Amino acid sequence: MNSYFGDGVNLLTSPIVLSVSDSSHSQQLWGLLEYKPQWTLTLQGWCLVLLLITAGTLFIFLTIQPFLAVSVPMNAKVLVVEGWVNDETLKGAIAEFKKKNYQLMITTGVLFNQQKYLTRYQSRAHLTAAKAIALGLDPLKVVAVTNSMVKVNRTAASAMAVKDWLFRSNLKITRLNLYSYNVHTRRSWIIFRQVLAPKIKVGAIAHPPSGYNPKQWWTASEGVRSVTAEAIAYLYVFLIWRYQQKF
């Protein structure tokens, strides 16, 4: 006697295949390891991933330096110069000041600690202002704005000091340019923009480096150190740091 089911399948003569999951065969080491089938990349897939990684790395190498050393000047009458910059950068700021007919240069910087016994200047801001005057700027057009002695967030403290001075001076300033050195510029620009917003807009001017070719920064130790350090610092400012009234 034959048994049929459905459309003519003989249940007595047709083989029946059962799928049984045996967990004891798929696990080893007392259940600490388990076998699971999965998709994986082929040789062509790994080659594509390697190509994308190489292209991305090359893109970063070629664009990171000009990205950090940003120059986006605005039509402004005030030029802010960070007091820690070297003399060559300060000379560049003075040339910018005279070329664009600025009306006021503001130098920033912290109070001296160790050096205060060796100089008559109170702060780096005062020292930089004195050097600018010695290099030919009108003393009536240079103002030193000193920020409080802080160990962290020094750029933010300088930006806050500039903001307070501008508001107390009653000058009708709606925009200014920040002059800084090389790859440090973007980080300072972001901080000044956050602190001075929304009443004052901030442009940026980066003085070019003299110790290495910015288009081949990875060939010089100074370029590697400065670009790497500022890239990390930029990520901190961009992702973590937020403007606060007090530190």
Protein backbone atom coordinates (compact mmCIF):
# COMPACT_ATOMS: atom_id res chain seq x y z
CA MET A 1 0.00 0.00 0.00
CA ASN A 2 1.47 3.28 -1.08
CA SER A 3 0.94 6.51 0.77
CA TYR A 4 0.80 9.72 -1.22
CA PHE A 5 0.72 13.31 -0.03
CA GLY A 6 0.00 16.45 -1.96
CA ASP A 7 0.63 16.23 -5.70
CA GLY A 8 1.99 12.68 -5.99
CA VAL A 9 4.89 12.52 -3.50
CA ASN A 10 5.36 9.00 -2.13
CA LEU A 11 6.07 9.31 1.55
CA LEU A 12 7.25 5.69 1.84
CA THR A 13 9.83 5.72 -0.95
CA SER A 14 10.94 9.39 -1.05
CA PRO A 15 13.88 10.28 1.25
CA ILE A 16 13.17 12.78 4.00
CA VAL A 17 15.95 15.26 4.84
CA LEU A 18 15.85 16.81 8.29
CA SER A 19 17.98 19.81 9.30
CA VAL A 20 19.12 19.31 12.84
CA SER A 21 21.22 21.90 14.63
CA ASP A 22 23.67 20.17 16.88
CA SER A 23 25.01 22.81 19.24
CA SER A 24 27.48 20.33 20.68
CA HIS A 25 29.35 20.18 17.32
CA SER A 26 29.32 24.00 16.77
CA GLN A 27 30.80 24.87 20.13
CA GLN A 28 34.22 24.11 21.55
CA LEU A 29 36.17 24.74 24.73
CA TRP A 30 33.22 24.28 27.04
CA GLY A 31 31.08 26.74 25.08
CA LEU A 32 33.64 29.53 24.96
CA LEU A 33 34.04 29.24 21.17
CA GLU A 34 31.18 28.91 18.71
CA TYR A 35 31.29 28.28 14.99
CA LYS A 36 29.05 30.46 12.82
CA PRO A 37 29.07 30.70 9.03
CA GLN A 38 29.60 34.30 7.85
CA TRP A 39 30.28 36.49 4.86
CA THR A 40 33.86 37.61 4.31
CA LEU A 41 35.72 39.73 1.78
CA THR A 42 37.22 38.16 -1.29
CA LEU A 43 40.63 39.07 -2.64
CA GLN A 44 38.99 41.68 -4.88
CA GLY A 45 37.13 43.06 -1.86
CA TRP A 46 40.30 43.40 0.21
CA CYS A 47 42.04 45.09 -2.71
CA LEU A 48 39.19 47.63 -2.92
CA VAL A 49 39.39 48.32 0.84
CA LEU A 50 43.15 48.79 0.60
CA LEU A 51 42.71 51.15 -2.34
CA LEU A 52 40.15 53.25 -0.45
CA ILE A 53 42.37 53.44 2.64
CA THR A 54 45.37 54.47 0.53
CA ALA A 55 43.34 57.12 -1.31
CA GLY A 56 41.93 58.50 1.94
CA THR A 57 45.37 58.65 3.57
CA LEU A 58 46.82 60.42 0.54
CA PHE A 59 43.95 62.90 0.54
CA ILE A 60 44.53 63.71 4.22
CA PHE A 61 48.27 64.12 3.70
CA LEU A 62 47.72 66.59 0.86
CA THR A 63 44.93 68.66 2.42
CA ILE A 64 45.49 68.67 6.19
CA GLN A 65 48.14 71.42 6.24
CA PRO A 66 46.21 74.02 4.18
CA PHE A 67 43.06 73.05 6.08
CA LEU A 68 44.66 73.87 9.44
CA ALA A 69 46.56 76.91 8.12
CA VAL A 70 43.33 78.60 7.06
CA SER A 71 43.22 82.12 5.61
CA VAL A 72 39.78 83.69 5.27
CA PRO A 73 40.30 87.42 5.88
CA MET A 74 37.40 89.82 6.19
CA ASN A 75 37.10 93.51 5.45
CA ALA A 76 37.91 94.72 8.95
CA LYS A 77 39.59 97.59 10.76
CA VAL A 78 40.92 95.59 13.72
CA LEU A 79 43.73 93.02 13.53
CA VAL A 80 44.24 90.70 16.51
CA VAL A 81 47.71 89.13 16.79
CA GLU A 82 48.40 86.23 19.14
CA GLY A 83 51.23 87.27 21.41
CA TRP A 84 53.11 83.97 21.36
CA VAL A 85 54.01 84.21 17.65
CA ASN A 86 57.64 84.68 16.62
CA ASP A 87 59.16 87.87 15.24
CA GLU A 88 58.83 86.76 11.62
CA THR A 89 55.10 86.24 12.08
CA LEU A 90 54.77 89.59 13.81
CA LYS A 91 56.49 91.26 10.86
CA GLY A 92 53.95 89.57 8.59
CA ALA A 93 51.13 90.93 10.76
CA ILE A 94 52.58 94.44 10.56
CA ALA A 95 52.82 94.17 6.77
CA GLU A 96 49.17 93.05 6.68
CA PHE A 97 48.22 95.95 8.99
CA LYS A 98 49.84 98.56 6.76
CA LYS A 99 48.71 97.02 3.48
CA LYS A 100 45.03 96.83 4.45
CA ASN A 101 44.97 100.13 6.39
CA TYR A 102 43.81 98.70 9.70
CA GLN A 103 42.99 101.19 12.43
CA LEU A 104 43.88 99.08 15.47
CA MET A 105 46.16 96.15 16.32
CA ILE A 106 45.35 94.14 19.44
CA THR A 107 48.05 91.86 20.85
CA THR A 108 47.06 89.04 23.19
CA GLY A 109 48.94 86.94 25.70
CA VAL A 110 49.19 85.68 29.26
CA LEU A 111 50.92 87.31 32.19
CA PHE A 112 54.57 86.41 32.57
CA ASN A 113 55.50 84.03 35.35
CA GLN A 114 59.18 83.09 35.27
CA GLN A 115 60.24 85.86 32.88
CA LYS A 116 58.65 88.69 34.87
CA TYR A 117 61.89 89.29 36.79
CA LEU A 118 63.89 89.69 33.58
CA THR A 119 61.69 92.12 31.66
CA ARG A 120 59.79 95.31 32.31
CA TYR A 121 56.80 94.00 30.40
CA GLN A 122 53.92 92.48 32.35
CA SER A 123 52.81 89.95 29.79
CA ARG A 124 53.44 88.45 26.41
CA ALA A 125 50.77 90.79 25.04
CA HIS A 126 52.73 93.84 26.24
CA LEU A 127 56.02 92.45 24.89
CA THR A 128 54.51 91.80 21.46
CA ALA A 129 52.93 95.25 21.39
CA ALA A 130 56.30 96.82 22.24
CA LYS A 131 57.99 94.89 19.44
CA ALA A 132 55.28 96.00 16.98
CA ILE A 133 55.88 99.63 17.95
CA ALA A 134 59.64 99.14 17.64
CA LEU A 135 59.07 97.75 14.14
CA GLY A 136 57.29 100.91 13.04
CA LEU A 137 53.65 100.85 14.10
CA ASP A 138 52.03 103.94 15.56
CA PRO A 139 51.82 103.49 19.36
CA LEU A 140 48.31 104.96 19.29
CA LYS A 141 47.20 102.09 17.06
CA VAL A 142 48.52 99.23 19.21
CA VAL A 143 46.74 97.87 22.30
CA ALA A 144 47.97 95.04 24.53
CA VAL A 145 45.14 92.96 25.99
CA THR A 146 46.33 90.58 28.68
CA ASN A 147 44.32 87.60 29.82
CA SER A 148 44.43 85.96 33.22
CA MET A 149 47.07 83.38 34.05
CA VAL A 150 45.59 80.01 33.07
CA LYS A 151 47.17 76.63 32.44
CA VAL A 152 44.57 75.39 29.96
CA ASN A 153 42.36 77.06 27.35
CA ARG A 154 44.80 79.95 26.95
CA THR A 155 43.48 80.85 23.50
CA ALA A 156 39.92 80.97 24.83
CA ALA A 157 41.06 83.15 27.73
CA SER A 158 42.69 85.53 25.22
CA ALA A 159 39.52 85.64 23.15
CA MET A 160 37.44 86.44 26.23
CA ALA A 161 39.87 89.20 27.22
CA VAL A 162 39.60 90.73 23.74
CA LYS A 163 35.82 90.51 23.90
CA ASP A 164 35.70 92.25 27.29
CA TRP A 165 38.09 94.97 26.17
CA LEU A 166 36.14 95.69 22.98
CA PHE A 167 32.86 96.00 24.87
CA ARG A 168 34.39 98.23 27.55
CA SER A 169 36.06 100.43 24.93
CA ASN A 170 32.68 101.31 23.38
CA LEU A 171 34.17 100.84 19.91
CA LYS A 172 31.59 99.91 17.30
CA ILE A 173 33.42 96.82 16.10
CA THR A 174 31.41 94.23 14.18
CA ARG A 175 34.27 92.29 12.58
CA LEU A 176 37.97 91.68 13.00
CA ASN A 177 40.76 89.51 11.61
CA LEU A 178 42.86 87.12 13.65
CA TYR A 179 46.52 86.79 12.64
CA SER A 180 48.21 83.59 13.78
CA TYR A 181 51.00 81.23 12.79
CA ASN A 182 50.61 78.38 10.33
CA VAL A 183 48.57 75.32 11.39
CA HIS A 184 47.59 76.82 14.75
CA THR A 185 45.31 79.28 12.95
CA ARG A 186 42.18 77.17 12.45
CA ARG A 187 42.00 76.15 16.09
CA SER A 188 42.39 79.76 17.26
CA TRP A 189 39.87 80.90 14.64
CA ILE A 190 37.23 78.44 15.86
CA ILE A 191 37.69 79.55 19.47
CA PHE A 192 37.60 83.28 18.69
CA ARG A 193 34.50 82.81 16.55
CA GLN A 194 32.67 81.00 19.35
CA VAL A 195 33.67 83.52 22.02
CA LEU A 196 32.94 86.67 20.00
CA ALA A 197 29.73 85.46 18.35
CA PRO A 198 27.19 86.70 17.50
CA LYS A 199 28.04 90.40 17.72
CA ILE A 200 31.52 90.23 16.20
CA LYS A 201 32.49 88.22 13.13
CA VAL A 202 36.02 86.89 12.89
CA GLY A 203 38.24 86.31 9.87
CA ALA A 204 41.55 84.45 9.89
CA ILE A 205 44.99 84.92 8.38
CA ALA A 206 47.68 82.24 8.69
CA HIS A 207 51.31 83.23 8.44
CA PRO A 208 53.17 80.61 6.34
CA PRO A 209 55.87 78.44 7.93
CA SER A 210 59.51 79.14 7.22
CA GLY A 211 61.06 75.89 8.44
CA TYR A 212 59.51 73.55 5.87
CA ASN A 213 57.58 73.37 2.63
CA PRO A 214 53.87 73.31 3.58
CA LYS A 215 53.08 71.27 0.46
CA GLN A 216 55.47 68.55 1.66
CA TRP A 217 55.15 68.93 5.42
CA TRP A 218 55.76 65.21 6.03
CA THR A 219 59.37 65.51 4.79
CA ALA A 220 60.46 67.73 7.71
CA SER A 221 60.42 66.92 11.42
CA GLU A 222 59.01 70.36 12.27
CA GLY A 223 56.20 69.83 9.79
CA VAL A 224 55.33 66.39 11.19
CA ARG A 225 55.35 67.63 14.78
CA SER A 226 53.31 70.77 14.15
CA VAL A 227 50.73 69.24 11.81
CA THR A 228 50.22 66.14 13.96
CA ALA A 229 49.91 68.09 17.21
CA GLU A 230 47.56 70.69 15.76
CA ALA A 231 45.41 68.07 14.05
CA ILE A 232 44.84 66.39 17.42
CA ALA A 233 44.21 69.74 19.10
CA TYR A 234 41.75 70.70 16.36
CA LEU A 235 39.77 67.48 16.90
CA TYR A 236 39.60 68.28 20.61
CA VAL A 237 38.29 71.79 19.97
CA PHE A 238 35.88 70.67 17.25
CA LEU A 239 34.43 67.63 19.05
CA ILE A 240 34.80 68.32 22.78
CA TRP A 241 35.58 71.94 23.69
CA ARG A 242 32.69 74.32 24.19
CA TYR A 243 32.79 77.97 25.12
CA GLN A 244 32.15 78.69 28.79
CA GLN A 245 32.17 81.98 30.63
CA LYS A 246 34.61 80.80 33.27
CA PHE A 247 37.42 78.27 33.38
